[in-house]
Amino acid sequence: QVQLVQSGGGLVLAGGSLRLSCAASGSIRRFNTMSWHRQAPGKQRELVATITRDNSTNYGDSVKGRFTISRDYAENTMYLQMNSLKPEDTAIYYCYANLYPGILGSWGQGTQVTVSS
C-alpha cells in the first residue's frame, strides 16, 4: 500500500510563492506517474502538473510558467513550487502517484492553499 503524506500550503498574498511536498512511503522511482491536482469550492478536481518516470513534465494551462513540479529521489518526495500565485489558485491541492498505467494509484490527504488579493 502506497502512502503519500503532504505538507506545505497555507495562506499567501497574491504574487507570493508556496511549495508543496508529497512524501512517499518507499522509493518514488517505482512510480509510473506522479502528479498534483487541485479542487476549488464548487468545482471539479483538475490536473495541475504531471511528472513521469522519465521525468517528462506537463502542466495545466492555467499554471504554465508559474508552477514547477519536481522530485527528489533521495528524499522520496515530490514537490510543487508555486510562484506568482493568484486568488484563483485557491484550492485544496492533492498529490497522486500510480505504479502502473491505467491502474488506480494513491492520493495524498490534501492541503489547503489560499491566495488572498
C-alpha atoms as a PDB file:
ATOM      1  CA  GLN A   1       0.000   0.000   0.000  1.00  0.00           C
ATOM      2  CA  VAL A   2       1.470   3.298  -1.101  1.00  0.00           C
ATOM      3  CA  GLN A   3       1.142   6.144   1.351  1.00  0.00           C
ATOM      4  CA  LEU A   4       1.531   9.769   0.337  1.00  0.00           C
ATOM      5  CA  VAL A   5       1.869  12.432   3.021  1.00  0.00           C
ATOM      6  CA  GLN A   6       1.544  16.067   2.033  1.00  0.00           C
ATOM      7  CA  SER A   7       2.936  19.171   3.685  1.00  0.00           C
ATOM      8  CA  GLY A   8       3.175  22.827   2.854  1.00  0.00           C
ATOM      9  CA  GLY A   9       0.377  25.083   1.766  1.00  0.00           C
ATOM     10  CA  GLY A  10      -1.243  27.832   3.762  1.00  0.00           C
ATOM     11  CA  LEU A  11      -2.222  31.446   3.249  1.00  0.00           C
ATOM     12  CA  VAL A  12      -0.273  33.763   0.969  1.00  0.00           C
ATOM     13  CA  LEU A  13      -0.788  37.131  -0.688  1.00  0.00           C
ATOM     14  CA  ALA A  14      -1.297  37.328  -4.416  1.00  0.00           C
ATOM     15  CA  GLY A  15       2.051  37.334  -6.183  1.00  0.00           C
ATOM     16  CA  GLY A  16       3.647  35.261  -3.462  1.00  0.00           C
ATOM     17  CA  SER A  17       5.086  31.752  -3.517  1.00  0.00           C
ATOM     18  CA  LEU A  18       4.497  28.447  -1.776  1.00  0.00           C
ATOM     19  CA  ARG A  19       5.994  24.992  -2.031  1.00  0.00           C
ATOM     20  CA  LEU A  20       4.025  21.812  -1.532  1.00  0.00           C
ATOM     21  CA  SER A  21       5.633  18.494  -0.649  1.00  0.00           C
ATOM     22  CA  CYS A  22       4.397  14.947  -1.124  1.00  0.00           C
ATOM     23  CA  ALA A  23       6.445  12.310   0.689  1.00  0.00           C
ATOM     24  CA  ALA A  24       6.019   8.708  -0.361  1.00  0.00           C
ATOM     25  CA  SER A  25       6.407   5.535   1.653  1.00  0.00           C
ATOM     26  CA  GLY A  26       9.277   3.870  -0.166  1.00  0.00           C
ATOM     27  CA  SER A  27      11.125   4.734  -3.328  1.00  0.00           C
ATOM     28  CA  ILE A  28       9.457   7.095  -5.769  1.00  0.00           C
ATOM     29  CA  ARG A  29      11.465   5.556  -8.603  1.00  0.00           C
ATOM     30  CA  ARG A  30       8.850   2.790  -8.817  1.00  0.00           C
ATOM     31  CA  PHE A  31       6.039   5.160  -9.766  1.00  0.00           C
ATOM     32  CA  ASN A  32       4.897   5.382 -13.353  1.00  0.00           C
ATOM     33  CA  THR A  33       3.438   8.853 -12.917  1.00  0.00           C
ATOM     34  CA  MET A  34       3.212  11.370 -10.105  1.00  0.00           C
ATOM     35  CA  SER A  35       1.012  14.411 -10.267  1.00  0.00           C
ATOM     36  CA  TRP A  36      -0.617  17.305  -8.493  1.00  0.00           C
ATOM     37  CA  HIS A  37      -4.302  18.080  -8.692  1.00  0.00           C
ATOM     38  CA  ARG A  38      -6.480  20.728  -7.114  1.00  0.00           C
ATOM     39  CA  GLN A  39     -10.105  21.265  -6.301  1.00  0.00           C
ATOM     40  CA  ALA A  40     -11.651  24.646  -5.655  1.00  0.00           C
ATOM     41  CA  PRO A  41     -15.002  25.016  -3.878  1.00  0.00           C
ATOM     42  CA  GLY A  42     -17.850  24.130  -6.198  1.00  0.00           C
ATOM     43  CA  LYS A  43     -15.521  22.992  -8.971  1.00  0.00           C
ATOM     44  CA  GLN A  44     -14.288  19.678 -10.270  1.00  0.00           C
ATOM     45  CA  ARG A  45     -10.828  18.422  -9.424  1.00  0.00           C
ATOM     46  CA  GLU A  46      -8.353  19.480 -12.097  1.00  0.00           C
ATOM     47  CA  LEU A  47      -4.905  18.335 -13.082  1.00  0.00           C
ATOM     48  CA  VAL A  48      -2.197  20.840 -12.211  1.00  0.00           C
ATOM     49  CA  ALA A  49       1.051  19.124 -13.174  1.00  0.00           C
ATOM     50  CA  THR A  50       2.421  15.683 -14.024  1.00  0.00           C
ATOM     51  CA  ILE A  51       5.867  14.133 -13.954  1.00  0.00           C
ATOM     52  CA  THR A  52       6.527  10.756 -15.489  1.00  0.00           C
ATOM     53  CA  ARG A  53       9.039   8.005 -14.863  1.00  0.00           C
ATOM     54  CA  ASP A  54      11.415   9.542 -17.419  1.00  0.00           C
ATOM     55  CA  ASN A  55      10.959  12.968 -15.777  1.00  0.00           C
ATOM     56  CA  SER A  56       8.835  14.418 -18.541  1.00  0.00           C
ATOM     57  CA  THR A  57       6.593  17.146 -17.174  1.00  0.00           C
ATOM     58  CA  ASN A  58       3.268  18.569 -18.209  1.00  0.00           C
ATOM     59  CA  TYR A  59       1.259  21.456 -16.815  1.00  0.00           C
ATOM     60  CA  GLY A  60      -2.276  22.719 -16.892  1.00  0.00           C
ATOM     61  CA  ASP A  61      -2.686  25.838 -18.998  1.00  0.00           C
ATOM     62  CA  SER A  62      -3.605  27.981 -16.011  1.00  0.00           C
ATOM     63  CA  VAL A  63      -0.317  27.292 -14.199  1.00  0.00           C
ATOM     64  CA  LYS A  64       2.207  27.099 -17.035  1.00  0.00           C
ATOM     65  CA  GLY A  65       5.188  29.310 -16.428  1.00  0.00           C
ATOM     66  CA  ARG A  66       4.295  29.773 -12.743  1.00  0.00           C
ATOM     67  CA  PHE A  67       4.365  26.290 -11.198  1.00  0.00           C
ATOM     68  CA  THR A  68       7.148  23.722 -11.306  1.00  0.00           C
ATOM     69  CA  ILE A  69       6.838  20.032 -10.476  1.00  0.00           C
ATOM     70  CA  SER A  70       9.934  18.145  -9.375  1.00  0.00           C
ATOM     71  CA  ARG A  71      11.107  15.079  -7.489  1.00  0.00           C
ATOM     72  CA  ASP A  72      13.896  14.340  -5.033  1.00  0.00           C
ATOM     73  CA  TYR A  73      14.825  10.672  -5.174  1.00  0.00           C
ATOM     74  CA  ALA A  74      16.959  10.852  -2.059  1.00  0.00           C
ATOM     75  CA  GLU A  75      14.020  12.194  -0.066  1.00  0.00           C
ATOM     76  CA  ASN A  76      11.374  10.116  -1.889  1.00  0.00           C
ATOM     77  CA  THR A  77       9.428  13.323  -2.222  1.00  0.00           C
ATOM     78  CA  MET A  78       7.658  15.192  -4.984  1.00  0.00           C
ATOM     79  CA  TYR A  79       7.335  18.967  -4.894  1.00  0.00           C
ATOM     80  CA  LEU A  80       5.203  21.664  -6.428  1.00  0.00           C
ATOM     81  CA  GLN A  81       6.810  25.077  -6.445  1.00  0.00           C
ATOM     82  CA  MET A  82       4.134  27.700  -6.952  1.00  0.00           C
ATOM     83  CA  ASN A  83       5.168  31.227  -7.885  1.00  0.00           C
ATOM     84  CA  SER A  84       3.193  34.328  -8.849  1.00  0.00           C
ATOM     85  CA  LEU A  85       0.171  32.940  -7.076  1.00  0.00           C
ATOM     86  CA  LYS A  86      -3.247  34.291  -7.934  1.00  0.00           C
ATOM     87  CA  PRO A  87      -6.515  34.239  -5.968  1.00  0.00           C
ATOM     88  CA  GLU A  88      -7.864  31.748  -8.499  1.00  0.00           C
ATOM     89  CA  ASP A  89      -5.177  29.297  -7.400  1.00  0.00           C
ATOM     90  CA  THR A  90      -7.034  28.935  -4.106  1.00  0.00           C
ATOM     91  CA  ALA A  91      -7.973  25.281  -3.702  1.00  0.00           C
ATOM     92  CA  ILE A  92      -7.223  22.067  -1.896  1.00  0.00           C
ATOM     93  CA  TYR A  93      -4.194  20.512  -3.549  1.00  0.00           C
ATOM     94  CA  TYR A  94      -3.720  16.758  -3.770  1.00  0.00           C
ATOM     95  CA  CYS A  95      -0.763  14.681  -4.847  1.00  0.00           C
ATOM     96  CA  TYR A  96      -1.237  11.408  -6.684  1.00  0.00           C
ATOM     97  CA  ALA A  97       1.000   8.545  -7.712  1.00  0.00           C
ATOM     98  CA  ASN A  98       0.419   5.319  -9.590  1.00  0.00           C
ATOM     99  CA  LEU A  99       2.612   2.322 -10.139  1.00  0.00           C
ATOM    100  CA  TYR A 100       1.249   1.203 -13.483  1.00  0.00           C
ATOM    101  CA  PRO A 101      -0.602   2.917 -16.342  1.00  0.00           C
ATOM    102  CA  GLY A 102      -4.333   2.525 -16.077  1.00  0.00           C
ATOM    103  CA  ILE A 103      -4.183   1.165 -12.547  1.00  0.00           C
ATOM    104  CA  LEU A 104      -5.681   3.283  -9.775  1.00  0.00           C
ATOM    105  CA  GLY A 105      -2.985   4.805  -7.617  1.00  0.00           C
ATOM    106  CA  SER A 106      -2.874   6.574  -4.275  1.00  0.00           C
ATOM    107  CA  TRP A 107      -3.832  10.074  -3.185  1.00  0.00           C
ATOM    108  CA  GLY A 108      -2.321  12.321  -0.583  1.00  0.00           C
ATOM    109  CA  GLN A 109      -4.528  13.723   2.159  1.00  0.00           C
ATOM    110  CA  GLY A 110      -4.825  17.158   0.568  1.00  0.00           C
ATOM    111  CA  THR A 111      -3.588  20.539   1.698  1.00  0.00           C
ATOM    112  CA  GLN A 112      -5.278  23.915   1.568  1.00  0.00           C
ATOM    113  CA  VAL A 113      -3.760  26.755  -0.414  1.00  0.00           C
ATOM    114  CA  THR A 114      -5.403  30.146  -0.023  1.00  0.00           C
ATOM    115  CA  VAL A 115      -4.287  33.165  -2.026  1.00  0.00           C
ATOM    116  CA  SER A 116      -5.668  36.496  -0.909  1.00  0.00           C
ATOM    117  CA  SER A 117      -5.844  39.574  -3.102  1.00  0.00           C
END
